[in-house]
């Protein structure tokens, strides 16, 4: 995949571009349905699949007071789009100046003149341009004028639940990471750098933990979760506690992970934590000993969970 972060760096000879545009926060099942349609149409035209997105998120520029925590920051979003098999990932810097471009000028100046699009694929509720004045109707009108086709993808449901960034965000904030997976198409992930903690894990509790320097904006509800941890591409099983460590009366939120069967020092390394299931609420214990005993029970439950998942796997 080609990654382009400046409109002036667009290749001049993109063959039959089939484009989709959006913020794609989460790159969830509904976004993936759009990407599949883009790739399908590009194949039929012997053309090029193109995803256009924006950084920062437009709401952060236009109405920062309304911004919700993002499911995926740029680094992860780019990785997820790459994994979808898209040919070109075009990142446009979203500024006040860019926001002032009218919907029709955006189509004419960027999509037609710069990209030379043949087709565009958008979601059922797509809006674009200054004050979100652009819609499917305008796209189709301009498609007739400039000879490109417009495809609209229907909403995607899992059961009776509409797949959307909003619904996924609420599930994660409620700690319902298993349910969120059904809408995302993968386990919810946070990532960051391992930093020095309060030195309680091994000395006090007998379980060394990796303390994460928070990078992602949306952290699941406080509690204990069964997780997998990606360290340089190698996957480990583990438990993550999110919360304020009430047993020790801490005042700041922490994300601490006990990684099974890991003896290496990973301080300052970047890791990715995938949330599989919520085990329990964070609890205040009478002593460090009681907390240590509970952690032992949590680990036993987590290992049983992983064994069940392994038994489910097809041979």
Foldseek 3Di string as FASTA:
>chain_A
DAEAEDLVPDDPCFFQEEEEEDACQLVWPQVLVQQVVQVVVCVVRVGAYEYEYEPPDQCCAVPVVPDDFTLDDDVVVVVVVVVSVHGYYYYYYDHPVQQQFAPVCCCVVRVCVRVNHQEYEYEPAQFDHHVSPRDPVVVCVVCVVRVHYYHYDYFDDDVNHTQDRVVLLVCQQAVNQQVSCSGRVFFRKFKAAFADDPPCACPPQNFDKTWGDGDGRRHGHFAKFWKWKAFPNDIFTWIWGWDQQVQVPRDDTIIIIRTPPDDDDRHGGMMMIGTNHGDGHDDHDPGSHVVSVVVVVVVVVSVVVVVVVVVPDDD
